[in-house]
Amino acid sequence: MNFVKYFFYIVVASVFLYASEDSQSSQVKQLSREVVPLSKTLFEVINLKTGDKRIEDLTGRDFIVVSVREEGSDGRFYAVDRDGTVWWSGAVTSGTAEYRSPSGIFHVLRKVRYYMSKAYPDASGINNMDYSLFFTKFGHALHKGSTNWMSRGCIHIDEKDIKVLFKWATSNTKIIITRHSYMPFAHDDLVRIYVD
């Protein structure tokens, strides 16, 4: 009987988890946080409701910075190794004004290689969120998608880039979503990678 009860709880929890994913509640109407890069590994997190500020130091951690595609930011992601080196970067698209991507410091909640959005399934039946790195309980993820058009809150990354991030990222990998430029801190590393 205990097995049946345990199995029932697992099924109910799974249904709740997946039902909340991709839900309309993932629509971000007003931002509650802002993240400002201060250096390559230091970020100021501002609570926009209370004005409280804190500094997040990611020295010694693997993380991905996403500077969303909005005025004043880069429209790029930056993969940063625990030694503080930006080792991979590429274009992104983020949420439209109606479906803004949330700002904040998150971590990878789960990785799903093949995935179809439950709220916005592709009519062709083809998976539209492959290589998903979910970072909110509402279904926001970094995933394979066109960098030519905006999303409904997720971060679209080109297939060649998201495959690399998907393989590298773990549940310990932080994801920073900012509306500020990170390029001044990444520039020297990117020149070494892509120009030299």
N, C-alpha and C. Protein backbone atom coordinates (compact mmCIF):
# COMPACT_ATOMS: atom_id res chain seq x y z
N MET A 1 0.82 -1.20 0.00
CA MET A 1 0.00 0.00 0.00
C MET A 1 0.86 1.26 0.00
N ASN A 2 1.99 1.22 0.74
CA ASN A 2 2.87 2.38 0.76
C ASN A 2 3.41 2.70 -0.63
N PHE A 3 3.68 1.66 -1.43
CA PHE A 3 4.17 1.88 -2.79
C PHE A 3 3.11 2.61 -3.62
N VAL A 4 1.86 2.21 -3.50
CA VAL A 4 0.77 2.85 -4.25
C VAL A 4 0.64 4.30 -3.85
N LYS A 5 0.69 4.57 -2.55
CA LYS A 5 0.60 5.95 -2.05
C LYS A 5 1.77 6.78 -2.58
N TYR A 6 2.99 6.23 -2.52
CA TYR A 6 4.19 6.91 -3.00
C TYR A 6 4.06 7.20 -4.50
N PHE A 7 3.62 6.18 -5.26
CA PHE A 7 3.44 6.34 -6.70
C PHE A 7 2.42 7.43 -7.01
N PHE A 8 1.32 7.45 -6.26
CA PHE A 8 0.28 8.47 -6.43
C PHE A 8 0.86 9.87 -6.21
N TYR A 9 1.65 10.05 -5.15
CA TYR A 9 2.25 11.35 -4.86
C TYR A 9 3.20 11.79 -5.97
N ILE A 10 3.96 10.85 -6.51
CA ILE A 10 4.88 11.18 -7.60
C ILE A 10 4.09 11.63 -8.83
N VAL A 11 3.04 10.93 -9.17
CA VAL A 11 2.22 11.29 -10.34
C VAL A 11 1.59 12.66 -10.15
N VAL A 12 1.02 12.92 -8.98
CA VAL A 12 0.38 14.21 -8.71
C VAL A 12 1.41 15.33 -8.77
N ALA A 13 2.57 15.13 -8.16
CA ALA A 13 3.62 16.15 -8.17
C ALA A 13 4.09 16.42 -9.59
N SER A 14 4.24 15.37 -10.40
CA SER A 14 4.68 15.54 -11.78
C SER A 14 3.66 16.32 -12.60
N VAL A 15 2.39 15.99 -12.42
CA VAL A 15 1.34 16.71 -13.14
C VAL A 15 1.34 18.18 -12.76
N PHE A 16 1.48 18.48 -11.46
CA PHE A 16 1.52 19.86 -11.01
C PHE A 16 2.72 20.59 -11.59
N LEU A 17 3.90 19.96 -11.56
CA LEU A 17 5.11 20.58 -12.07
C LEU A 17 4.98 20.89 -13.56
N TYR A 18 4.54 19.91 -14.33
CA TYR A 18 4.44 20.12 -15.77
C TYR A 18 3.27 21.01 -16.15
N ALA A 19 2.22 21.04 -15.34
CA ALA A 19 1.09 21.92 -15.63
C ALA A 19 1.49 23.37 -15.43
N SER A 20 2.36 23.66 -14.46
CA SER A 20 2.76 25.04 -14.22
C SER A 20 3.74 25.53 -15.27
N GLU A 21 4.43 24.60 -15.90
CA GLU A 21 5.40 24.93 -16.92
C GLU A 21 4.70 25.48 -18.16
N ASP A 22 5.26 26.45 -18.80
CA ASP A 22 4.71 27.05 -20.02
C ASP A 22 3.34 27.69 -19.77
N SER A 23 2.94 27.90 -18.55
CA SER A 23 1.61 28.42 -18.29
C SER A 23 1.53 29.90 -18.61
N GLN A 24 0.30 30.39 -18.75
CA GLN A 24 0.11 31.81 -19.01
C GLN A 24 0.66 32.65 -17.87
N SER A 25 0.78 32.08 -16.66
CA SER A 25 1.32 32.85 -15.53
C SER A 25 2.80 33.17 -15.73
N SER A 26 3.42 32.58 -16.75
CA SER A 26 4.82 32.89 -17.01
C SER A 26 4.97 34.27 -17.65
N GLN A 27 3.87 34.87 -18.01
CA GLN A 27 3.91 36.20 -18.61
C GLN A 27 4.38 37.21 -17.57
N VAL A 28 5.49 37.88 -17.85
CA VAL A 28 6.06 38.86 -16.93
C VAL A 28 5.57 40.24 -17.36
N LYS A 29 4.64 40.80 -16.61
CA LYS A 29 4.10 42.12 -16.95
C LYS A 29 4.97 43.23 -16.39
N GLN A 30 5.48 43.02 -15.17
CA GLN A 30 6.31 44.03 -14.54
C GLN A 30 7.50 43.33 -13.88
N LEU A 31 8.67 43.86 -14.12
CA LEU A 31 9.87 43.26 -13.54
C LEU A 31 9.91 43.52 -12.04
N SER A 32 10.38 42.53 -11.30
CA SER A 32 10.51 42.69 -9.85
C SER A 32 11.96 42.86 -9.44
N ARG A 33 12.90 42.49 -10.34
CA ARG A 33 14.33 42.59 -10.03
C ARG A 33 15.07 43.15 -11.23
N GLU A 34 16.19 43.73 -10.94
CA GLU A 34 17.12 44.16 -11.98
C GLU A 34 18.50 43.67 -11.57
N VAL A 35 19.28 43.23 -12.54
CA VAL A 35 20.63 42.76 -12.29
C VAL A 35 21.58 43.63 -13.10
N VAL A 36 22.56 44.22 -12.42
CA VAL A 36 23.52 45.10 -13.07
C VAL A 36 24.91 44.49 -12.94
N PRO A 37 25.57 44.15 -14.07
CA PRO A 37 26.94 43.65 -14.00
C PRO A 37 27.87 44.75 -13.50
N LEU A 38 28.68 44.43 -12.48
CA LEU A 38 29.66 45.38 -11.95
C LEU A 38 31.07 45.05 -12.40
N SER A 39 31.31 43.78 -12.65
CA SER A 39 32.58 43.29 -13.17
C SER A 39 32.29 41.95 -13.82
N LYS A 40 33.31 41.22 -14.18
CA LYS A 40 33.08 39.94 -14.84
C LYS A 40 32.32 38.96 -13.95
N THR A 41 32.54 39.02 -12.63
CA THR A 41 31.91 38.05 -11.73
C THR A 41 31.08 38.68 -10.62
N LEU A 42 30.97 40.00 -10.58
CA LEU A 42 30.15 40.67 -9.55
C LEU A 42 28.91 41.29 -10.19
N PHE A 43 27.78 41.09 -9.52
CA PHE A 43 26.51 41.59 -10.01
C PHE A 43 25.73 42.23 -8.87
N GLU A 44 25.12 43.38 -9.15
CA GLU A 44 24.24 44.01 -8.17
C GLU A 44 22.81 43.60 -8.51
N VAL A 45 22.11 43.06 -7.51
CA VAL A 45 20.72 42.65 -7.68
C VAL A 45 19.86 43.67 -6.93
N ILE A 46 18.95 44.30 -7.66
CA ILE A 46 18.10 45.35 -7.10
C ILE A 46 16.66 44.86 -7.07
N ASN A 47 16.05 44.88 -5.90
CA ASN A 47 14.63 44.58 -5.76
C ASN A 47 13.88 45.84 -6.15
N LEU A 48 13.17 45.83 -7.25
CA LEU A 48 12.52 47.03 -7.78
C LEU A 48 11.31 47.46 -6.95
N LYS A 49 10.79 46.57 -6.12
CA LYS A 49 9.64 46.93 -5.29
C LYS A 49 10.07 47.60 -3.99
N THR A 50 11.17 47.12 -3.39
CA THR A 50 11.60 47.66 -2.10
C THR A 50 12.82 48.58 -2.20
N GLY A 51 13.55 48.47 -3.32
CA GLY A 51 14.77 49.26 -3.47
C GLY A 51 15.98 48.60 -2.82
N ASP A 52 15.78 47.46 -2.16
CA ASP A 52 16.89 46.75 -1.53
C ASP A 52 17.89 46.31 -2.59
N LYS A 53 19.18 46.36 -2.22
CA LYS A 53 20.25 45.96 -3.12
C LYS A 53 21.15 44.96 -2.43
N ARG A 54 21.69 44.03 -3.22
CA ARG A 54 22.69 43.09 -2.70
C ARG A 54 23.68 42.79 -3.81
N ILE A 55 24.86 42.39 -3.41
CA ILE A 55 25.91 42.05 -4.36
C ILE A 55 26.02 40.52 -4.42
N GLU A 56 26.04 40.00 -5.62
CA GLU A 56 26.21 38.55 -5.84
C GLU A 56 27.58 38.35 -6.48
N ASP A 57 28.44 37.60 -5.80
CA ASP A 57 29.79 37.31 -6.29
C ASP A 57 29.83 35.89 -6.82
N LEU A 58 30.06 35.74 -8.12
CA LEU A 58 30.08 34.42 -8.74
C LEU A 58 31.49 33.94 -9.03
N THR A 59 32.48 34.52 -8.36
CA THR A 59 33.86 34.07 -8.50
C THR A 59 33.94 32.59 -8.17
N GLY A 60 34.62 31.83 -9.02
CA GLY A 60 34.79 30.40 -8.79
C GLY A 60 33.60 29.56 -9.20
N ARG A 61 32.62 30.14 -9.91
CA ARG A 61 31.43 29.41 -10.34
C ARG A 61 31.30 29.46 -11.86
N ASP A 62 30.72 28.43 -12.43
CA ASP A 62 30.34 28.45 -13.84
C ASP A 62 29.01 29.19 -13.95
N PHE A 63 28.87 30.08 -14.93
CA PHE A 63 27.59 30.76 -15.11
C PHE A 63 27.42 31.24 -16.54
N ILE A 64 26.16 31.53 -16.86
CA ILE A 64 25.80 32.05 -18.18
C ILE A 64 25.13 33.40 -17.97
N VAL A 65 25.67 34.43 -18.59
CA VAL A 65 25.05 35.75 -18.55
C VAL A 65 24.26 35.92 -19.84
N VAL A 66 23.01 36.34 -19.70
CA VAL A 66 22.19 36.66 -20.87
C VAL A 66 21.86 38.14 -20.79
N SER A 67 22.37 38.89 -21.74
CA SER A 67 22.03 40.30 -21.88
C SER A 67 20.93 40.35 -22.94
N VAL A 68 19.69 40.52 -22.48
CA VAL A 68 18.53 40.36 -23.36
C VAL A 68 18.56 41.33 -24.54
N ARG A 69 17.76 41.03 -25.53
CA ARG A 69 17.70 41.89 -26.70
C ARG A 69 16.72 43.03 -26.46
N GLU A 70 17.21 44.07 -25.80
CA GLU A 70 16.45 45.29 -25.54
C GLU A 70 17.42 46.45 -25.65
N GLU A 71 16.89 47.64 -25.74
CA GLU A 71 17.75 48.82 -25.83
C GLU A 71 18.65 48.89 -24.60
N GLY A 72 19.93 49.14 -24.83
CA GLY A 72 20.89 49.26 -23.74
C GLY A 72 21.57 47.97 -23.35
N SER A 73 21.19 46.86 -23.97
CA SER A 73 21.84 45.59 -23.68
C SER A 73 22.37 44.99 -24.97
N ASP A 74 22.97 43.81 -24.85
CA ASP A 74 23.74 43.26 -25.96
C ASP A 74 22.99 42.32 -26.89
N GLY A 75 21.95 41.65 -26.40
CA GLY A 75 21.31 40.61 -27.20
C GLY A 75 22.22 39.42 -27.39
N ARG A 76 22.99 39.08 -26.33
CA ARG A 76 23.96 37.99 -26.40
C ARG A 76 23.97 37.20 -25.10
N PHE A 77 24.46 35.97 -25.19
CA PHE A 77 24.77 35.20 -24.00
C PHE A 77 26.28 35.09 -23.90
N TYR A 78 26.76 34.87 -22.69
CA TYR A 78 28.19 34.72 -22.41
C TYR A 78 28.35 33.55 -21.44
N ALA A 79 29.08 32.52 -21.84
CA ALA A 79 29.37 31.40 -20.93
C ALA A 79 30.69 31.72 -20.23
N VAL A 80 30.66 31.70 -18.90
CA VAL A 80 31.83 32.07 -18.10
C VAL A 80 32.24 30.88 -17.25
N ASP A 81 33.49 30.44 -17.41
CA ASP A 81 34.04 29.33 -16.62
C ASP A 81 34.33 29.77 -15.20
N ARG A 82 34.50 28.79 -14.32
CA ARG A 82 34.78 29.11 -12.92
C ARG A 82 36.08 29.88 -12.72
N ASP A 83 36.96 29.87 -13.73
CA ASP A 83 38.18 30.67 -13.62
C ASP A 83 37.96 32.11 -14.08
N GLY A 84 36.71 32.45 -14.44
CA GLY A 84 36.38 33.83 -14.81
C GLY A 84 36.60 34.14 -16.28
N THR A 85 36.80 33.12 -17.10
CA THR A 85 37.02 33.33 -18.53
C THR A 85 35.72 33.19 -19.31
N VAL A 86 35.42 34.18 -20.12
CA VAL A 86 34.30 34.06 -21.06
C VAL A 86 34.81 33.20 -22.20
N TRP A 87 34.24 32.00 -22.36
CA TRP A 87 34.77 31.05 -23.33
C TRP A 87 33.83 30.77 -24.50
N TRP A 88 32.58 31.27 -24.43
CA TRP A 88 31.64 31.06 -25.53
C TRP A 88 30.62 32.19 -25.49
N SER A 89 30.20 32.64 -26.67
CA SER A 89 29.21 33.71 -26.74
C SER A 89 28.44 33.60 -28.05
N GLY A 90 27.21 34.07 -28.03
CA GLY A 90 26.41 34.05 -29.25
C GLY A 90 25.18 34.91 -29.10
N ALA A 91 24.47 35.07 -30.19
CA ALA A 91 23.28 35.92 -30.21
C ALA A 91 22.12 35.22 -29.50
N VAL A 92 21.22 36.05 -28.95
CA VAL A 92 19.98 35.56 -28.35
C VAL A 92 18.83 36.45 -28.80
N THR A 93 17.63 35.92 -28.66
CA THR A 93 16.44 36.76 -28.63
C THR A 93 15.73 36.43 -27.33
N SER A 94 15.00 37.40 -26.84
CA SER A 94 14.31 37.25 -25.56
C SER A 94 12.84 37.63 -25.76
N GLY A 95 12.12 37.75 -24.66
CA GLY A 95 10.68 37.98 -24.74
C GLY A 95 10.29 39.33 -25.33
N THR A 96 9.13 39.33 -25.97
CA THR A 96 8.56 40.57 -26.48
C THR A 96 8.15 41.46 -25.31
N ALA A 97 7.73 42.67 -25.59
CA ALA A 97 7.29 43.59 -24.52
C ALA A 97 6.14 42.98 -23.71
N GLU A 98 5.28 42.21 -24.38
CA GLU A 98 4.14 41.59 -23.70
C GLU A 98 4.56 40.36 -22.88
N TYR A 99 5.61 39.68 -23.32
CA TYR A 99 6.09 38.46 -22.66
C TYR A 99 7.55 38.62 -22.27
N ARG A 100 7.83 39.57 -21.41
CA ARG A 100 9.22 39.88 -21.06
C ARG A 100 9.90 38.72 -20.36
N SER A 101 11.16 38.53 -20.67
CA SER A 101 11.96 37.54 -19.95
C SER A 101 12.25 38.11 -18.57
N PRO A 102 12.19 37.28 -17.52
CA PRO A 102 12.42 37.80 -16.17
C PRO A 102 13.89 38.16 -15.96
N SER A 103 14.15 39.18 -15.15
CA SER A 103 15.52 39.52 -14.75
C SER A 103 15.83 38.83 -13.44
N GLY A 104 17.08 38.46 -13.25
CA GLY A 104 17.46 37.87 -11.98
C GLY A 104 18.63 36.92 -12.12
N ILE A 105 18.99 36.33 -11.00
CA ILE A 105 20.02 35.29 -10.96
C ILE A 105 19.32 34.00 -10.60
N PHE A 106 19.40 33.04 -11.48
CA PHE A 106 18.72 31.77 -11.35
C PHE A 106 19.75 30.65 -11.43
N HIS A 107 19.31 29.42 -11.33
CA HIS A 107 20.17 28.28 -11.64
C HIS A 107 19.38 27.31 -12.52
N VAL A 108 20.08 26.42 -13.16
CA VAL A 108 19.44 25.45 -14.03
C VAL A 108 18.61 24.52 -13.15
N LEU A 109 17.30 24.55 -13.35
CA LEU A 109 16.41 23.66 -12.59
C LEU A 109 16.41 22.26 -13.17
N ARG A 110 16.41 22.21 -14.50
CA ARG A 110 16.50 20.91 -15.17
C ARG A 110 16.86 21.11 -16.62
N LYS A 111 17.40 20.05 -17.20
CA LYS A 111 17.79 20.02 -18.60
C LYS A 111 16.92 19.00 -19.32
N VAL A 112 16.36 19.40 -20.47
CA VAL A 112 15.53 18.49 -21.25
C VAL A 112 15.98 18.59 -22.71
N ARG A 113 16.47 17.48 -23.23
CA ARG A 113 17.03 17.47 -24.59
C ARG A 113 15.96 17.69 -25.67
N TYR A 114 14.85 16.94 -25.60
CA TYR A 114 13.77 17.07 -26.58
C TYR A 114 12.55 17.60 -25.85
N TYR A 115 11.98 18.71 -26.37
CA TYR A 115 10.85 19.28 -25.64
C TYR A 115 9.93 20.07 -26.57
N MET A 116 8.63 19.93 -26.33
CA MET A 116 7.60 20.70 -27.04
C MET A 116 6.88 21.56 -26.00
N SER A 117 6.75 22.85 -26.27
CA SER A 117 6.03 23.75 -25.37
C SER A 117 4.59 23.27 -25.23
N LYS A 118 4.12 23.24 -23.99
CA LYS A 118 2.73 22.86 -23.74
C LYS A 118 1.78 24.04 -24.00
N ALA A 119 2.23 25.24 -23.71
CA ALA A 119 1.39 26.43 -23.91
C ALA A 119 1.38 26.89 -25.37
N TYR A 120 2.51 26.71 -26.06
CA TYR A 120 2.65 27.19 -27.43
C TYR A 120 3.22 26.08 -28.33
N PRO A 121 2.50 24.97 -28.48
CA PRO A 121 3.03 23.87 -29.30
C PRO A 121 3.10 24.27 -30.77
N ASP A 122 4.07 23.72 -31.46
CA ASP A 122 4.22 23.97 -32.88
C ASP A 122 3.18 23.15 -33.63
N ALA A 123 2.45 23.79 -34.53
CA ALA A 123 1.38 23.11 -35.27
C ALA A 123 1.90 21.95 -36.10
N SER A 124 3.17 22.00 -36.49
CA SER A 124 3.75 20.93 -37.29
C SER A 124 4.03 19.68 -36.46
N GLY A 125 3.99 19.83 -35.14
CA GLY A 125 4.31 18.70 -34.27
C GLY A 125 5.79 18.55 -33.99
N ILE A 126 6.58 19.46 -34.52
CA ILE A 126 8.03 19.42 -34.29
C ILE A 126 8.34 20.09 -32.96
N ASN A 127 9.25 19.48 -32.19
CA ASN A 127 9.65 20.08 -30.91
C ASN A 127 10.13 21.51 -31.14
N ASN A 128 9.68 22.44 -30.30
CA ASN A 128 10.07 23.84 -30.49
C ASN A 128 10.90 24.38 -29.32
N MET A 129 11.31 23.50 -28.40
CA MET A 129 12.14 23.95 -27.26
C MET A 129 13.24 22.93 -26.97
N ASP A 130 13.85 22.37 -27.99
CA ASP A 130 14.91 21.39 -27.76
C ASP A 130 16.11 22.03 -27.04
N TYR A 131 16.86 21.20 -26.36
CA TYR A 131 18.03 21.63 -25.57
C TYR A 131 17.63 22.65 -24.50
N SER A 132 16.53 22.41 -23.82
CA SER A 132 16.04 23.36 -22.81
C SER A 132 16.84 23.30 -21.52
N LEU A 133 17.25 24.48 -21.07
CA LEU A 133 17.83 24.68 -19.74
C LEU A 133 16.82 25.52 -18.98
N PHE A 134 15.90 24.86 -18.26
CA PHE A 134 14.84 25.57 -17.54
C PHE A 134 15.43 26.29 -16.33
N PHE A 135 15.01 27.56 -16.15
CA PHE A 135 15.53 28.32 -15.01
C PHE A 135 14.44 28.95 -14.14
N THR A 136 13.16 28.81 -14.49
CA THR A 136 12.08 29.21 -13.58
C THR A 136 11.04 28.09 -13.54
N LYS A 137 10.26 28.06 -12.47
CA LYS A 137 9.20 27.06 -12.35
C LYS A 137 8.04 27.33 -13.30
N PHE A 138 8.04 28.49 -13.94
CA PHE A 138 6.98 28.85 -14.88
C PHE A 138 7.30 28.44 -16.31
N GLY A 139 8.44 27.80 -16.52
CA GLY A 139 8.78 27.29 -17.85
C GLY A 139 9.74 28.14 -18.64
N HIS A 140 10.29 29.21 -18.07
CA HIS A 140 11.30 29.99 -18.79
C HIS A 140 12.56 29.14 -18.95
N ALA A 141 13.13 29.19 -20.14
CA ALA A 141 14.30 28.36 -20.43
C ALA A 141 15.18 29.03 -21.47
N LEU A 142 16.44 28.67 -21.44
CA LEU A 142 17.31 28.91 -22.59
C LEU A 142 17.07 27.69 -23.47
N HIS A 143 16.82 27.87 -24.76
CA HIS A 143 16.60 26.71 -25.62
C HIS A 143 16.86 27.06 -27.07
N LYS A 144 16.92 26.01 -27.88
CA LYS A 144 17.12 26.19 -29.32
C LYS A 144 15.95 26.98 -29.88
N GLY A 145 16.28 28.00 -30.64
CA GLY A 145 15.24 28.81 -31.26
C GLY A 145 15.86 29.82 -32.20
N SER A 146 15.04 30.40 -33.01
CA SER A 146 15.51 31.39 -33.97
C SER A 146 15.94 32.67 -33.24
N THR A 147 17.07 33.19 -33.63
CA THR A 147 17.52 34.47 -33.08
C THR A 147 17.07 35.63 -33.97
N ASN A 148 16.13 35.34 -34.87
CA ASN A 148 15.59 36.37 -35.75
C ASN A 148 14.27 36.95 -35.26
N TRP A 149 13.59 36.27 -34.32
CA TRP A 149 12.35 36.83 -33.80
C TRP A 149 12.27 36.64 -32.30
N MET A 150 11.50 37.49 -31.67
CA MET A 150 11.38 37.50 -30.21
C MET A 150 10.53 36.32 -29.74
N SER A 151 10.63 36.03 -28.43
CA SER A 151 9.95 34.87 -27.86
C SER A 151 8.78 35.29 -26.97
N ARG A 152 8.22 34.32 -26.30
CA ARG A 152 7.17 34.57 -25.31
C ARG A 152 7.76 34.45 -23.90
N GLY A 153 8.99 34.88 -23.73
CA GLY A 153 9.62 34.92 -22.41
C GLY A 153 10.87 34.08 -22.28
N CYS A 154 11.01 33.07 -23.12
CA CYS A 154 12.23 32.25 -23.08
C CYS A 154 13.37 32.98 -23.78
N ILE A 155 14.55 32.39 -23.69
CA ILE A 155 15.72 32.91 -24.38
C ILE A 155 16.03 31.97 -25.53
N HIS A 156 15.89 32.45 -26.77
CA HIS A 156 16.22 31.66 -27.95
C HIS A 156 17.72 31.77 -28.23
N ILE A 157 18.33 30.62 -28.48
CA ILE A 157 19.76 30.56 -28.80
C ILE A 157 19.91 29.66 -30.02
N ASP A 158 20.79 30.03 -30.92
CA ASP A 158 21.03 29.25 -32.13
C ASP A 158 21.44 27.82 -31.78
N GLU A 159 21.05 26.87 -32.63
CA GLU A 159 21.30 25.45 -32.36
C GLU A 159 22.77 25.14 -32.10
N LYS A 160 23.68 25.70 -32.89
CA LYS A 160 25.10 25.39 -32.71
C LYS A 160 25.60 25.84 -31.33
N ASP A 161 25.05 26.92 -30.80
CA ASP A 161 25.47 27.43 -29.50
C ASP A 161 24.77 26.71 -28.34
N ILE A 162 23.47 26.47 -28.45
CA ILE A 162 22.75 25.85 -27.33
C ILE A 162 23.22 24.42 -27.12
N LYS A 163 23.64 23.73 -28.17
CA LYS A 163 24.18 22.37 -27.99
C LYS A 163 25.40 22.39 -27.08
N VAL A 164 26.26 23.37 -27.25
CA VAL A 164 27.46 23.50 -26.42
C VAL A 164 27.08 23.83 -24.98
N LEU A 165 26.18 24.81 -24.80
CA LEU A 165 25.75 25.18 -23.45
C LEU A 165 25.05 24.02 -22.75
N PHE A 166 24.21 23.29 -23.47
CA PHE A 166 23.46 22.18 -22.90
C PHE A 166 24.41 21.10 -22.37
N LYS A 167 25.44 20.82 -23.13
CA LYS A 167 26.42 19.80 -22.70
C LYS A 167 27.21 20.28 -21.49
N TRP A 168 27.54 21.57 -21.44
CA TRP A 168 28.40 22.13 -20.39
C TRP A 168 27.65 22.40 -19.08
N ALA A 169 26.44 22.88 -19.16
CA ALA A 169 25.71 23.34 -17.96
C ALA A 169 25.29 22.17 -17.07
N THR A 170 25.29 22.45 -15.76
CA THR A 170 24.81 21.49 -14.76
C THR A 170 23.78 22.20 -13.89
N SER A 171 23.25 21.49 -12.91
CA SER A 171 22.28 22.12 -12.00
C SER A 171 22.96 23.18 -11.12
N ASN A 172 24.27 23.17 -11.06
CA ASN A 172 25.00 24.20 -10.30
C ASN A 172 25.29 25.45 -11.13
N THR A 173 25.01 25.40 -12.41
CA THR A 173 25.29 26.54 -13.29
C THR A 173 24.26 27.64 -13.05
N LYS A 174 24.75 28.83 -12.76
CA LYS A 174 23.87 29.99 -12.58
C LYS A 174 23.54 30.59 -13.94
N ILE A 175 22.35 31.15 -14.03
CA ILE A 175 21.91 31.87 -15.23
C ILE A 175 21.53 33.28 -14.79
N ILE A 176 22.23 34.26 -15.33
CA ILE A 176 21.99 35.66 -14.99
C ILE A 176 21.28 36.30 -16.18
N ILE A 177 20.11 36.85 -15.94
CA ILE A 177 19.37 37.57 -16.99
C ILE A 177 19.42 39.05 -16.63
N THR A 178 20.04 39.84 -17.51
CA THR A 178 20.21 41.27 -17.25
C THR A 178 19.72 42.09 -18.45
N ARG A 179 19.39 43.32 -18.18
CA ARG A 179 19.00 44.27 -19.21
C ARG A 179 20.09 45.32 -19.41
N HIS A 180 21.30 44.96 -19.02
CA HIS A 180 22.47 45.84 -19.16
C HIS A 180 23.52 45.12 -19.98
N SER A 181 24.45 45.88 -20.51
CA SER A 181 25.52 45.32 -21.33
C SER A 181 26.55 44.61 -20.47
N TYR A 182 26.96 43.44 -20.92
CA TYR A 182 28.04 42.68 -20.27
C TYR A 182 29.31 42.73 -21.13
N MET A 183 29.19 43.23 -22.35
CA MET A 183 30.29 43.25 -23.30
C MET A 183 31.57 43.91 -22.77
N PRO A 184 31.50 45.01 -22.00
CA PRO A 184 32.75 45.60 -21.51
C PRO A 184 33.59 44.62 -20.69
N PHE A 185 32.95 43.66 -20.02
CA PHE A 185 33.68 42.69 -19.19
C PHE A 185 34.11 41.47 -19.99
N ALA A 186 33.44 41.21 -21.10
CA ALA A 186 33.72 40.02 -21.91
C ALA A 186 34.64 40.32 -23.10
N HIS A 187 34.78 41.56 -23.45
CA HIS A 187 35.45 41.97 -24.69
C HIS A 187 36.83 41.33 -24.87
N ASP A 188 37.71 41.46 -23.90
CA ASP A 188 39.08 40.96 -24.06
C ASP A 188 39.12 39.45 -24.28
N ASP A 189 38.29 38.70 -23.53
CA ASP A 189 38.24 37.24 -23.72
C ASP A 189 37.71 36.90 -25.11
N LEU A 190 36.70 37.62 -25.57
CA LEU A 190 36.12 37.33 -26.88
C LEU A 190 37.09 37.64 -28.01
N VAL A 191 37.88 38.69 -27.86
CA VAL A 191 38.89 39.00 -28.87
C VAL A 191 39.90 37.85 -28.97
N ARG A 192 40.32 37.32 -27.81
CA ARG A 192 41.26 36.19 -27.81
C ARG A 192 40.65 34.95 -28.47
N ILE A 193 39.37 34.72 -28.25
CA ILE A 193 38.70 33.54 -28.77
C ILE A 193 38.43 33.65 -30.26
N TYR A 194 37.84 34.77 -30.67
CA TYR A 194 37.31 34.88 -32.03
C TYR A 194 38.20 35.64 -33.01
N VAL A 195 39.17 36.42 -32.53
CA VAL A 195 39.99 37.22 -33.45
C VAL A 195 41.41 36.68 -33.54
N ASP A 196 42.02 36.38 -32.43
CA ASP A 196 43.42 35.91 -32.45
C ASP A 196 43.57 34.54 -33.05
